[in-house]
Amino acid sequence: MDLSTRAIGEVVHPTAAFYHPPPEAKTPETSSIVNYTPKSSWESSLLNPKNRIDSLELPQNPLWRVDGCAGLGTQYYVLPLFLERIPPMRMDVFVSDLQPPLIREQLELDRAFHTKDAARLSRLAIARHVVRILQAWTTNDFRDLDSFEKYYKRVPFGSRIVLEGMALDTRRVRLRVGFNHNLEHKLLPPSTLKYLWGPEFPLPEVIDFFDIHVVSVLHDSVCLVRIHEKLYIFKALTSGAKYLYHELKMLCTLEPHANIIARPIHLVTKRCNFGTKRAVAGFTTFFHSKGTLRDVLPYLRAHGQLGRDDQLKWSIQLTRALEDLKSRSGTYYPDLRLDNIVLSENSDIVMVDFEQRGVWCEFAAPEINAIEYVRLIATDENVPSSVSDKYREILEELVSNFESLEDERYTNPEFGFNIPWIALSAIEQEAAEVYMLGRVLWCIFEGVSGPQKAAVWQSYRWEPDLEFPEYRRTPQAMRDLIDRCTRGRRETLSNIIVRRHSRLLLTTKAVNEQTADDVRNAARSFWSAEIEAAEKFLGLRNAQRQKGLWNDNYYDRPTLNQVLEFLEAFRNDDLPPSRP
């Protein structure tokens, strides 16, 4: 089965349990996931010039650069290189992935689905195609480059360059700019944030949006920028401001810790296009050039440089930081994954990303997943209302105000917008953090970039060579700890469906013996069982809570303090007689 956004609802999300094929006749892709070849004819032949890309040669002096990809191969971060100072407009390129097979194949859209980083993405046909399209747009539709610069700086923050009618000939592609007035309308001025957070709230120093120069786009919300010859990270969200403002509030109020990202340095404001509102578009933080553990771990392992001392140091630092967040700051951290752990100049870990959105199921605890599956089904517009209504009732019992938390507007909720985590008690939250910590410890001691061999969402330069909870390099005592931390773990979708290159395949059948419908049916069965288990768990929890019998540490995982004591004893060769 080809990778596309359709695959999310049909296979990857729990909504796949309720997927029903459309009544129209099957397309060739639905009947087979192996190499589909159209009927041999001149009209469909790649020998026919009209069926080939006109060129993939980059212009001699390219005016644009593609820095990465998001949105499952539909959103491309682009920068206009000809500007002396590039403001962080985040005017990304958007491409529909619902393209004919001929275009999907030649533009390598299936590979773009899971390829995010600039180094590998720049080699794909779609990235070069986008640069050529933008080159023609810039030179043909504007009088000169100065005219384009004036235009670029006037569009609303987060506006989109939409490529419509995608074609292999760049001259036939229609380019449209979608102005994101809605985002600027929702951005709030510093005075409003002060009103919401209190007059004494310690907001960072304010700087102007156009005083920032973008060096590169690292992520859909993160840019590397230069301000007065110094490098910083600029954080902003073009999908909406509520998570950004929640993170800003969190970072300004957290108790300082050596292994947690420091308080924001600048508050970045921009004058919006309507009226005179000067609103907060983002903030800056320190730039840690050594990168994330996701990339560092497999690199060090491959070069024989991943030592036990570093593994234990990072594990202890991470556990201490999590314990500090709980005990001193009284909050939870639902975003624990390798992408959100960077290394300082001294090779100490630094936790980043405090939007509190959470992680997907490859890292999340089963009790978190149970609630998240209910939320996804309850709020997905493609699920029949007869089904979603049932799960909305379950969700409402867990978090009575969940609908207000789903709203796009920032409303200053005390505990953020993460419904599954808000539904849990403090003890349950700690147990869920310990589960995620166990997954990260596994990655650290195995020296891999993630817990899955071939994650559907993203491929890496160094793909993992084994899947959690397989062990090859972890010492036995650490294996015991990790197993205790991850008690209650369930089988994952990757046990039956895997990404192989740019296709979803069953693990139980030979490639030439399976179809896309086989993949969908297997996914439907898997998610039906998972949803049934989630309902049973939540039903048991609700019944026992009403009787006062519920054990908040249901899976009997160790506490963060117990994990920390174990790690320190392991480092000192002084393991306690009774392990957590």
Protein backbone atom coordinates (compact mmCIF):
# COMPACT_ATOMS: atom_id res chain seq x y z
CA MET A 1 0.00 0.00 0.00
CA ASP A 2 1.41 3.36 -1.03
CA LEU A 3 2.19 5.94 1.64
CA SER A 4 -0.14 8.92 1.45
CA THR A 5 -2.37 10.90 3.79
CA ARG A 6 -5.14 8.41 3.01
CA ALA A 7 -3.09 5.72 4.73
CA ILE A 8 -3.33 7.59 8.04
CA GLY A 9 -7.09 7.22 8.38
CA GLU A 10 -7.19 3.80 6.71
CA VAL A 11 -4.27 2.11 8.49
CA VAL A 12 -2.18 4.16 10.93
CA HIS A 13 -4.79 5.87 13.12
CA PRO A 14 -7.32 3.98 15.27
CA THR A 15 -9.97 5.43 12.95
CA ALA A 16 -8.96 2.56 10.65
CA ALA A 17 -11.25 0.34 12.76
CA PHE A 18 -14.19 2.17 11.21
CA TYR A 19 -12.88 2.55 7.67
CA HIS A 20 -15.16 1.35 4.90
CA PRO A 21 -14.08 1.50 1.26
CA PRO A 22 -15.99 3.90 -0.96
CA PRO A 23 -18.71 2.32 -3.13
CA GLU A 24 -17.03 3.26 -6.39
CA ALA A 25 -14.91 0.76 -8.30
CA LYS A 26 -11.48 -0.02 -6.96
CA THR A 27 -8.48 1.77 -8.40
CA PRO A 28 -5.39 -0.19 -9.40
CA GLU A 29 -3.73 0.91 -6.14
CA THR A 30 -6.47 -0.55 -4.00
CA SER A 31 -6.23 -3.94 -5.64
CA SER A 32 -2.47 -4.39 -5.39
CA ILE A 33 0.38 -2.86 -3.45
CA VAL A 34 3.06 -4.37 -5.59
CA ASN A 35 4.48 -2.64 -8.62
CA TYR A 36 1.49 -1.40 -10.52
CA THR A 37 2.09 -1.02 -14.24
CA PRO A 38 -0.60 0.63 -16.38
CA LYS A 39 -1.62 -1.02 -19.62
CA SER A 40 1.18 -0.77 -22.08
CA SER A 41 0.46 2.10 -24.41
CA TRP A 42 2.14 5.20 -25.74
CA GLU A 43 -0.20 7.37 -23.66
CA SER A 44 1.03 5.86 -20.40
CA SER A 45 4.60 5.02 -21.39
CA LEU A 46 7.55 6.76 -19.73
CA LEU A 47 9.10 6.90 -23.22
CA ASN A 48 6.43 9.46 -24.08
CA PRO A 49 7.96 12.92 -23.39
CA LYS A 50 4.72 14.22 -21.88
CA ASN A 51 4.99 11.60 -19.13
CA ARG A 52 8.46 12.67 -18.02
CA ILE A 53 9.63 15.53 -15.81
CA ASP A 54 10.81 18.35 -18.03
CA SER A 55 14.04 18.65 -15.98
CA LEU A 56 15.42 18.14 -12.49
CA GLU A 57 18.45 20.33 -13.01
CA LEU A 58 18.57 23.13 -10.46
CA PRO A 59 19.00 26.67 -11.85
CA GLN A 60 22.61 27.86 -12.04
CA ASN A 61 21.88 30.41 -9.33
CA PRO A 62 18.86 29.08 -7.45
CA LEU A 63 16.78 31.77 -5.79
CA TRP A 64 15.18 29.31 -3.34
CA ARG A 65 16.15 26.42 -1.10
CA VAL A 66 14.10 23.58 0.40
CA ASP A 67 15.08 23.03 4.05
CA GLY A 68 12.79 20.20 5.06
CA CYS A 69 9.37 18.65 4.88
CA ALA A 70 6.35 18.10 7.12
CA GLY A 71 2.69 17.28 6.72
CA LEU A 72 3.51 13.76 5.51
CA GLY A 73 5.05 14.98 2.29
CA THR A 74 2.65 17.85 1.66
CA GLN A 75 4.47 20.81 3.30
CA TYR A 76 7.95 22.00 2.26
CA TYR A 77 10.00 24.59 4.14
CA VAL A 78 11.45 27.03 1.61
CA LEU A 79 13.70 30.06 1.93
CA PRO A 80 14.24 32.90 -0.61
CA LEU A 81 18.05 32.95 -0.80
CA PHE A 82 18.26 36.25 -2.66
CA LEU A 83 17.09 38.32 0.32
CA GLU A 84 19.92 39.91 2.27
CA ARG A 85 17.93 39.42 5.48
CA ILE A 86 15.32 36.67 5.48
CA PRO A 87 12.53 37.32 8.00
CA PRO A 88 10.85 34.24 9.55
CA MET A 89 7.69 34.56 7.43
CA ARG A 90 7.26 30.74 7.32
CA MET A 91 5.78 30.98 3.85
CA ASP A 92 5.94 27.24 3.14
CA VAL A 93 5.00 25.37 -0.03
CA PHE A 94 2.00 23.02 0.10
CA VAL A 95 1.38 20.20 -2.35
CA SER A 96 -1.57 17.81 -2.41
CA ASP A 97 -0.48 14.19 -2.20
CA LEU A 98 -3.60 13.08 -4.08
CA GLN A 99 -1.73 12.87 -7.38
CA PRO A 100 -1.95 10.41 -10.29
CA PRO A 101 0.44 7.44 -9.96
CA LEU A 102 2.64 8.74 -12.79
CA ILE A 103 3.26 12.03 -10.98
CA ARG A 104 3.62 10.41 -7.54
CA GLU A 105 6.25 8.03 -8.86
CA GLN A 106 8.36 10.55 -10.77
CA LEU A 107 8.24 13.22 -8.07
CA GLU A 108 9.00 10.59 -5.38
CA LEU A 109 6.08 11.72 -3.22
CA ASP A 110 5.95 8.38 -1.40
CA ARG A 111 9.52 8.90 -0.19
CA ALA A 112 8.79 12.52 0.74
CA PHE A 113 6.03 11.20 3.03
CA HIS A 114 8.63 10.00 5.56
CA THR A 115 11.76 12.00 4.58
CA LYS A 116 12.05 15.17 6.67
CA ASP A 117 15.67 16.36 6.80
CA ALA A 118 17.19 18.75 4.27
CA ALA A 119 20.16 16.55 3.33
CA ARG A 120 18.11 13.60 2.09
CA LEU A 121 15.08 15.60 0.95
CA SER A 122 17.17 17.81 -1.35
CA ARG A 123 18.00 14.72 -3.41
CA LEU A 124 14.34 13.89 -4.07
CA ALA A 125 12.67 14.94 -7.31
CA ILE A 126 9.88 16.86 -5.55
CA ALA A 127 12.35 19.18 -3.79
CA ARG A 128 14.10 20.06 -7.04
CA HIS A 129 10.74 20.45 -8.77
CA VAL A 130 9.59 22.90 -6.09
CA VAL A 131 12.77 25.00 -6.46
CA ARG A 132 12.30 25.21 -10.23
CA ILE A 133 8.63 26.21 -9.86
CA LEU A 134 9.51 28.94 -7.34
CA GLN A 135 12.34 30.18 -9.54
CA ALA A 136 9.94 30.67 -12.44
CA TRP A 137 7.31 32.32 -10.20
CA THR A 138 9.82 34.79 -8.73
CA THR A 139 11.31 35.84 -12.05
CA ASN A 140 8.15 35.83 -14.18
CA ASP A 141 5.49 37.26 -11.85
CA PHE A 142 7.47 40.13 -10.31
CA ARG A 143 9.11 43.12 -11.93
CA ASP A 144 12.39 42.47 -10.07
CA LEU A 145 13.67 40.83 -6.92
CA ASP A 146 13.17 44.02 -4.91
CA SER A 147 9.49 43.92 -5.79
CA PHE A 148 9.27 40.35 -4.56
CA GLU A 149 11.00 41.27 -1.27
CA LYS A 150 8.40 43.97 -0.61
CA TYR A 151 5.62 41.52 -1.40
CA TYR A 152 7.18 38.79 0.77
CA LYS A 153 7.40 41.07 3.81
CA ARG A 154 3.79 42.25 3.46
CA VAL A 155 2.03 38.88 3.44
CA PRO A 156 0.58 37.63 6.74
CA PHE A 157 2.81 35.43 8.87
CA GLY A 158 2.40 31.76 7.99
CA SER A 159 0.88 32.32 4.54
CA ARG A 160 1.04 29.40 2.10
CA ILE A 161 2.38 28.92 -1.39
CA VAL A 162 -0.04 26.35 -2.80
CA LEU A 163 0.89 24.38 -5.92
CA GLU A 164 -2.29 23.41 -7.74
CA GLY A 165 -2.66 21.22 -10.79
CA MET A 166 0.69 19.55 -10.17
CA ALA A 167 2.33 18.57 -13.43
CA LEU A 168 5.66 17.17 -14.56
CA ASP A 169 6.15 20.30 -16.67
CA THR A 170 6.81 23.21 -14.29
CA ARG A 171 5.18 25.63 -16.73
CA ARG A 172 1.82 23.90 -16.29
CA VAL A 173 1.77 24.09 -12.46
CA ARG A 174 -0.60 26.71 -11.04
CA LEU A 175 0.79 28.63 -8.06
CA ARG A 176 -1.53 30.36 -5.62
CA VAL A 177 -0.72 32.23 -2.39
CA GLY A 178 -3.06 31.59 0.52
CA PHE A 179 -2.93 34.51 2.94
CA ASN A 180 -3.11 33.32 6.54
CA HIS A 181 -5.09 36.23 7.97
CA ASN A 182 -6.78 33.80 10.35
CA LEU A 183 -3.50 33.07 12.17
CA GLU A 184 -2.60 36.73 12.62
CA HIS A 185 -6.14 37.35 13.85
CA LYS A 186 -5.58 34.79 16.65
CA LEU A 187 -2.14 36.09 17.66
CA LEU A 188 -2.24 38.02 20.93
CA PRO A 189 -0.33 41.18 21.93
CA PRO A 190 1.96 41.11 25.01
CA SER A 191 -0.57 43.20 26.93
CA THR A 192 -3.24 40.50 26.54
CA LEU A 193 -0.83 37.80 27.71
CA LYS A 194 0.03 39.99 30.70
CA TYR A 195 -3.68 40.31 31.46
CA LEU A 196 -4.14 36.52 31.29
CA TRP A 197 -0.98 35.66 33.25
CA GLY A 198 -0.90 38.54 35.71
CA PRO A 199 0.69 42.01 35.65
CA GLU A 200 3.87 40.73 37.33
CA PHE A 201 4.43 37.95 34.80
CA PRO A 202 8.12 37.98 33.71
CA LEU A 203 7.88 38.36 29.91
CA PRO A 204 11.22 38.27 28.03
CA GLU A 205 12.75 41.23 26.20
CA VAL A 206 10.67 42.23 23.17
CA ILE A 207 12.27 42.38 19.72
CA ASP A 208 10.78 43.04 16.29
CA PHE A 209 9.99 40.22 13.88
CA PHE A 210 12.00 41.84 11.08
CA ASP A 211 15.15 42.13 13.20
CA ILE A 212 15.56 38.36 12.79
CA HIS A 213 17.45 36.69 9.92
CA VAL A 214 16.65 33.06 9.18
CA VAL A 215 19.69 30.86 8.61
CA SER A 216 17.77 27.61 8.12
CA VAL A 217 14.42 25.99 8.90
CA LEU A 218 14.94 23.01 11.19
CA HIS A 219 11.35 21.94 11.85
CA ASP A 220 7.81 23.03 11.11
CA SER A 221 7.97 25.17 14.28
CA VAL A 222 11.70 25.83 14.69
CA CYS A 223 14.18 27.99 12.76
CA LEU A 224 17.85 28.68 13.30
CA VAL A 225 18.12 32.48 13.23
CA ARG A 226 20.74 35.19 13.61
CA ILE A 227 20.18 38.28 15.78
CA HIS A 228 23.06 40.76 16.02
CA GLU A 229 25.53 38.13 14.77
CA LYS A 230 24.47 35.56 17.38
CA LEU A 231 22.65 32.31 16.64
CA TYR A 232 19.37 31.46 18.38
CA ILE A 233 16.43 29.13 17.96
CA PHE A 234 13.19 30.86 16.93
CA LYS A 235 10.04 28.99 17.94
CA ALA A 236 6.73 29.76 16.23
CA LEU A 237 3.65 27.83 15.13
CA THR A 238 1.84 28.53 11.89
CA SER A 239 -0.91 26.00 12.64
CA GLY A 240 -2.20 28.07 15.57
CA ALA A 241 -0.90 29.99 18.57
CA LYS A 242 -2.40 28.22 21.58
CA TYR A 243 0.38 25.65 22.07
CA LEU A 244 3.01 28.34 21.50
CA TYR A 245 1.58 30.58 24.22
CA HIS A 246 1.21 27.67 26.60
CA GLU A 247 4.87 26.74 26.08
CA LEU A 248 5.95 30.35 26.55
CA LYS A 249 4.08 30.50 29.86
CA MET A 250 5.60 27.18 30.95
CA LEU A 251 9.17 28.15 30.14
CA CYS A 252 8.86 31.52 31.88
CA THR A 253 7.58 29.94 35.11
CA LEU A 254 9.48 26.64 35.39
CA GLU A 255 12.07 26.38 38.14
CA PRO A 256 15.53 26.60 36.50
CA HIS A 257 17.32 23.28 35.97
CA ALA A 258 20.60 22.51 34.26
CA ASN A 259 19.00 19.87 32.03
CA ILE A 260 15.87 21.83 31.03
CA ILE A 261 15.88 24.49 28.32
CA ALA A 262 16.43 27.92 29.82
CA ARG A 263 13.88 30.72 29.96
CA PRO A 264 13.15 32.30 26.54
CA ILE A 265 15.54 35.08 25.59
CA HIS A 266 13.38 37.24 23.32
CA LEU A 267 9.66 37.75 22.78
CA VAL A 268 9.23 38.26 19.03
CA THR A 269 6.39 40.57 18.02
CA LYS A 270 5.01 41.41 14.58
CA ARG A 271 2.67 44.15 13.44
CA CYS A 272 -0.34 42.38 11.96
CA ASN A 273 -1.84 43.36 8.62
CA PHE A 274 -5.18 44.49 10.02
CA GLY A 275 -5.34 47.41 12.43
CA THR A 276 -2.40 48.35 14.59
CA LYS A 277 -2.08 45.17 16.66
CA ARG A 278 1.49 44.17 17.43
CA ALA A 279 1.20 40.53 18.42
CA VAL A 280 3.50 37.83 19.77
CA ALA A 281 4.53 35.59 16.84
CA GLY A 282 7.12 33.53 18.70
CA PHE A 283 10.11 33.53 21.03
CA THR A 284 13.81 32.70 20.94
CA THR A 285 15.82 30.23 22.99
CA PHE A 286 19.43 29.06 23.08
CA PHE A 287 20.82 27.11 20.13
CA HIS A 288 22.52 23.81 21.00
CA SER A 289 24.59 22.90 17.96
CA LYS A 290 25.36 19.28 18.87
CA GLY A 291 21.86 18.18 17.87
CA THR A 292 19.37 15.73 19.33
CA LEU A 293 19.91 12.31 20.87
CA ARG A 294 17.92 10.89 17.95
CA ASP A 295 20.86 11.66 15.64
CA VAL A 296 23.72 11.53 18.16
CA LEU A 297 23.09 8.03 19.53
CA PRO A 298 23.34 6.01 16.27
CA TYR A 299 26.22 8.18 15.05
CA LEU A 300 28.29 7.56 18.18
CA ARG A 301 27.43 3.87 18.16
CA ALA A 302 28.40 3.49 14.49
CA HIS A 303 31.79 5.08 15.23
CA GLY A 304 32.43 3.10 18.39
CA GLN A 305 32.15 6.22 20.56
CA LEU A 306 28.99 5.48 22.57
CA GLY A 307 30.41 4.80 26.02
CA ARG A 308 28.71 3.51 29.15
CA ASP A 309 29.68 6.63 31.11
CA ASP A 310 27.77 8.89 28.71
CA GLN A 311 24.80 6.53 28.61
CA LEU A 312 24.50 6.60 32.39
CA LYS A 313 25.17 10.32 32.64
CA TRP A 314 22.39 11.14 30.16
CA SER A 315 19.99 8.68 31.79
CA ILE A 316 20.56 10.17 35.24
CA GLN A 317 20.33 13.76 34.00
CA LEU A 318 17.07 13.03 32.22
CA THR A 319 15.53 11.29 35.22
CA ARG A 320 16.57 14.12 37.57
CA ALA A 321 15.02 16.68 35.24
CA LEU A 322 11.73 14.78 35.10
CA GLU A 323 11.67 14.44 38.89
CA ASP A 324 12.39 18.15 39.25
CA LEU A 325 9.52 19.07 36.92
CA LYS A 326 7.18 17.00 39.06
CA SER A 327 8.38 17.96 42.53
CA ARG A 328 9.43 21.60 42.15
CA SER A 329 7.36 22.86 39.22
CA GLY A 330 4.33 20.65 39.80
CA THR A 331 3.82 19.81 36.14
CA TYR A 332 4.01 16.87 33.75
CA TYR A 333 6.12 16.26 30.66
CA PRO A 334 4.24 14.30 27.95
CA ASP A 335 6.72 14.94 25.12
CA LEU A 336 9.54 12.59 26.12
CA ARG A 337 11.23 11.32 22.97
CA LEU A 338 14.72 11.53 21.51
CA ASP A 339 13.85 14.45 19.20
CA ASN A 340 13.17 16.60 22.28
CA ILE A 341 16.50 15.91 24.00
CA VAL A 342 19.45 17.96 22.71
CA LEU A 343 23.08 18.03 23.81
CA SER A 344 24.77 21.11 25.25
CA GLU A 345 28.30 22.19 24.39
CA ASN A 346 29.47 20.11 27.37
CA SER A 347 27.53 17.08 26.04
CA ASP A 348 24.94 17.30 28.82
CA ILE A 349 21.31 16.67 27.95
CA VAL A 350 18.82 19.53 27.66
CA MET A 351 15.08 18.84 27.48
CA VAL A 352 13.18 21.03 25.00
CA ASP A 353 9.62 21.36 23.66
CA PHE A 354 7.18 22.23 26.42
CA GLU A 355 4.01 22.60 24.34
CA GLN A 356 2.73 19.54 26.25
CA ARG A 357 1.11 18.07 23.13
CA GLY A 358 2.32 14.53 23.81
CA VAL A 359 3.87 11.76 21.70
CA TRP A 360 2.41 9.10 19.43
CA CYS A 361 1.94 5.53 20.62
CA GLU A 362 5.47 4.28 19.88
CA PHE A 363 6.59 6.21 22.99
CA ALA A 364 3.35 6.76 24.96
CA ALA A 365 2.11 4.63 27.85
CA PRO A 366 -0.88 2.32 27.18
CA GLU A 367 -3.14 4.27 29.57
CA ILE A 368 -2.37 7.47 27.63
CA ASN A 369 -3.00 5.70 24.33
CA ALA A 370 -6.35 4.38 25.57
CA ILE A 371 -7.63 7.92 26.12
CA GLU A 372 -5.97 9.27 22.97
CA TYR A 373 -7.64 6.61 20.81
CA VAL A 374 -11.00 7.63 22.26
CA ARG A 375 -10.23 11.29 21.57
CA LEU A 376 -9.21 10.65 17.96
CA ILE A 377 -12.36 8.68 17.23
CA ALA A 378 -14.60 11.17 19.03
CA THR A 379 -13.26 14.16 17.11
CA ASP A 380 -12.55 12.74 13.63
CA GLU A 381 -15.09 14.06 11.13
CA ASN A 382 -14.64 11.00 8.92
CA VAL A 383 -15.92 8.64 11.62
CA PRO A 384 -19.70 8.03 11.44
CA SER A 385 -21.57 10.17 13.97
CA SER A 386 -23.21 7.06 15.42
CA VAL A 387 -19.71 5.94 16.44
CA SER A 388 -18.14 9.27 17.37
CA ASP A 389 -21.09 10.19 19.64
CA LYS A 390 -20.42 7.13 21.78
CA TYR A 391 -16.77 8.05 22.25
CA ARG A 392 -17.58 11.70 22.89
CA GLU A 393 -19.60 10.55 25.89
CA ILE A 394 -16.65 8.51 27.16
CA LEU A 395 -14.34 11.48 26.63
CA GLU A 396 -16.69 13.85 28.42
CA GLU A 397 -16.67 11.58 31.48
CA LEU A 398 -12.88 11.77 31.52
CA VAL A 399 -12.51 15.52 30.86
CA SER A 400 -15.78 17.42 31.08
CA ASN A 401 -14.47 20.50 29.26
CA PHE A 402 -12.66 18.67 26.46
CA GLU A 403 -14.52 20.59 23.73
CA SER A 404 -13.14 23.92 24.96
CA LEU A 405 -9.63 22.45 24.95
CA GLU A 406 -10.07 21.40 21.31
CA ASP A 407 -10.80 25.02 20.33
CA GLU A 408 -8.09 26.81 18.32
CA ARG A 409 -8.11 29.89 20.56
CA TYR A 410 -5.73 30.34 23.48
CA THR A 411 -7.75 30.35 26.70
CA ASN A 412 -4.96 30.06 29.32
CA PRO A 413 -5.91 26.64 30.74
CA GLU A 414 -3.98 25.81 33.90
CA PHE A 415 -2.82 22.37 32.75
CA GLY A 416 -2.49 22.90 28.99
CA PHE A 417 -4.49 21.31 26.18
CA ASN A 418 -3.45 17.65 26.38
CA ILE A 419 -6.71 15.83 27.12
CA PRO A 420 -5.28 12.34 27.93
CA TRP A 421 -2.79 13.75 30.43
CA ILE A 422 -5.28 16.14 32.01
CA ALA A 423 -7.56 13.14 32.61
CA LEU A 424 -4.93 11.46 34.82
CA SER A 425 -4.04 12.04 38.45
CA ALA A 426 -0.52 13.20 39.41
CA ILE A 427 0.47 9.63 40.34
CA GLU A 428 -0.88 8.32 37.01
CA GLN A 429 1.02 11.05 35.17
CA GLU A 430 4.27 10.06 36.86
CA ALA A 431 3.70 6.39 35.98
CA ALA A 432 3.12 7.40 32.33
CA GLU A 433 6.34 9.47 32.38
CA VAL A 434 8.25 6.47 33.76
CA TYR A 435 6.93 4.38 30.85
CA MET A 436 8.24 6.92 28.32
CA LEU A 437 11.51 7.14 30.25
CA GLY A 438 11.89 3.37 29.92
CA ARG A 439 11.54 3.64 26.15
CA VAL A 440 14.17 6.39 26.04
CA LEU A 441 16.53 4.41 28.27
CA TRP A 442 16.19 1.51 25.83
CA CYS A 443 17.17 3.82 22.94
CA ILE A 444 20.13 5.20 24.90
CA PHE A 445 21.56 1.81 25.85
CA GLU A 446 20.86 0.21 22.47
CA GLY A 447 22.22 3.30 20.67
CA VAL A 448 19.32 3.68 18.23
CA SER A 449 17.31 6.60 16.87
CA GLY A 450 13.90 5.30 17.94
CA PRO A 451 11.95 2.32 19.23
CA GLN A 452 10.77 1.21 15.77
CA LYS A 453 12.76 -0.15 12.85
CA ALA A 454 10.85 1.78 10.21
CA ALA A 455 8.42 4.28 11.70
CA VAL A 456 5.61 5.19 9.34
CA TRP A 457 5.82 8.89 10.14
CA GLN A 458 9.52 9.46 9.64
CA SER A 459 12.65 7.79 8.33
CA TYR A 460 16.09 8.62 9.66
CA ARG A 461 19.59 8.77 8.27
CA TRP A 462 20.44 5.95 10.68
CA GLU A 463 17.43 3.69 10.91
CA PRO A 464 17.15 1.45 14.02
CA ASP A 465 18.34 -2.12 13.45
CA LEU A 466 16.00 -3.60 16.05
CA GLU A 467 12.63 -2.89 17.60
CA PHE A 468 11.62 -2.34 21.20
CA PRO A 469 11.73 -4.47 23.36
CA GLU A 470 14.48 -6.50 21.64
CA TYR A 471 17.83 -6.32 23.43
CA ARG A 472 21.35 -6.66 22.05
CA ARG A 473 23.61 -4.18 23.80
CA THR A 474 21.83 -3.30 27.06
CA PRO A 475 23.30 -4.79 30.28
CA GLN A 476 21.03 -7.26 32.08
CA ALA A 477 20.42 -5.02 35.10
CA MET A 478 19.29 -2.18 32.81
CA ARG A 479 17.07 -4.58 30.88
CA ASP A 480 15.32 -5.45 34.13
CA LEU A 481 14.81 -1.76 34.93
CA ILE A 482 13.47 -0.96 31.45
CA ASP A 483 11.07 -3.89 31.60
CA ARG A 484 9.75 -2.66 34.95
CA CYS A 485 9.38 0.90 33.65
CA THR A 486 7.38 -0.29 30.64
CA ARG A 487 5.03 -2.69 32.39
CA GLY A 488 1.68 -2.87 30.66
CA ARG A 489 3.15 -2.39 27.19
CA ARG A 490 1.05 -3.71 24.32
CA GLU A 491 1.80 -4.99 20.84
CA THR A 492 2.10 -2.20 18.28
CA LEU A 493 0.89 -1.89 14.71
CA SER A 494 4.48 -2.40 13.53
CA ASN A 495 4.25 -6.03 14.62
CA ILE A 496 1.89 -6.74 11.72
CA ILE A 497 2.36 -3.79 9.31
CA VAL A 498 5.70 -2.20 8.52
CA ARG A 499 7.04 0.53 6.27
CA ARG A 500 9.43 -0.93 3.76
CA HIS A 501 11.02 1.89 1.81
CA SER A 502 7.88 3.85 0.89
CA ARG A 503 5.17 1.21 1.19
CA LEU A 504 3.11 -0.31 3.95
CA LEU A 505 3.41 -4.08 3.97
CA LEU A 506 2.12 -6.98 6.03
CA THR A 507 4.74 -8.91 7.99
CA THR A 508 2.72 -12.12 7.63
CA LYS A 509 2.61 -12.44 3.82
CA ALA A 510 5.04 -12.38 0.95
CA VAL A 511 5.03 -9.06 -0.90
CA ASN A 512 3.68 -10.57 -4.12
CA GLU A 513 0.83 -12.28 -2.26
CA GLN A 514 -0.73 -9.25 -0.54
CA THR A 515 -2.90 -6.34 -1.58
CA ALA A 516 -3.67 -2.91 -0.19
CA ASP A 517 -7.02 -4.29 1.00
CA ASP A 518 -5.13 -6.96 2.96
CA VAL A 519 -3.22 -4.19 4.74
CA ARG A 520 -6.42 -2.26 5.48
CA ASN A 521 -8.18 -5.35 6.80
CA ALA A 522 -5.26 -6.23 9.06
CA ALA A 523 -5.18 -2.67 10.37
CA ARG A 524 -8.93 -2.74 10.97
CA SER A 525 -8.61 -5.93 13.03
CA PHE A 526 -5.65 -4.59 15.01
CA TRP A 527 -7.31 -1.27 15.86
CA SER A 528 -10.64 -2.91 16.68
CA ALA A 529 -8.85 -5.05 19.28
CA GLU A 530 -6.92 -2.06 20.63
CA ILE A 531 -10.05 0.05 20.96
CA GLU A 532 -11.86 -2.80 22.71
CA ALA A 533 -8.95 -3.11 25.17
CA ALA A 534 -8.93 0.66 25.70
CA GLU A 535 -12.65 0.70 26.48
CA LYS A 536 -12.27 -2.18 28.96
CA PHE A 537 -9.37 -0.46 30.70
CA LEU A 538 -11.19 2.88 30.96
CA GLY A 539 -14.37 1.14 32.11
CA LEU A 540 -12.46 -0.68 34.87
CA ARG A 541 -10.71 2.52 35.90
CA ASN A 542 -13.98 4.43 36.08
CA ALA A 543 -15.77 1.71 38.09
CA GLN A 544 -12.96 1.32 40.60
CA ARG A 545 -12.46 5.07 40.99
CA GLN A 546 -16.13 5.43 41.90
CA LYS A 547 -15.66 2.77 44.61
CA GLY A 548 -12.39 4.32 45.81
CA LEU A 549 -10.49 1.15 44.88
CA TRP A 550 -8.44 2.37 41.92
CA ASN A 551 -4.64 1.98 42.16
CA ASP A 552 -3.23 5.02 40.34
CA ASN A 553 -0.03 3.10 39.64
CA TYR A 554 -2.06 0.35 38.00
CA TYR A 555 0.90 -1.35 36.30
CA ASP A 556 3.15 -1.15 39.38
CA ARG A 557 5.94 0.77 37.68
CA PRO A 558 8.80 2.28 39.73
CA THR A 559 8.64 5.98 40.65
CA LEU A 560 11.02 8.50 39.13
CA ASN A 561 12.94 8.59 42.42
CA GLN A 562 13.30 4.82 42.41
CA VAL A 563 14.57 4.87 38.82
CA LEU A 564 17.07 7.59 39.76
CA GLU A 565 18.33 5.63 42.77
CA PHE A 566 18.75 2.54 40.62
CA LEU A 567 20.68 4.41 37.90
CA GLU A 568 23.02 6.02 40.42
CA ALA A 569 23.63 2.69 42.15
CA PHE A 570 24.28 1.04 38.78
CA ARG A 571 26.81 3.74 37.92
CA ASN A 572 28.54 3.21 41.28
CA ASP A 573 28.43 -0.62 40.99
CA ASP A 574 26.31 -0.63 44.10
CA LEU A 575 22.93 -2.00 43.05
CA PRO A 576 20.34 -2.12 45.86
CA PRO A 577 19.31 -5.59 47.03
CA SER A 578 15.71 -4.85 46.08
CA ARG A 579 15.42 -3.41 42.59
CA PRO A 580 12.46 -1.17 41.65
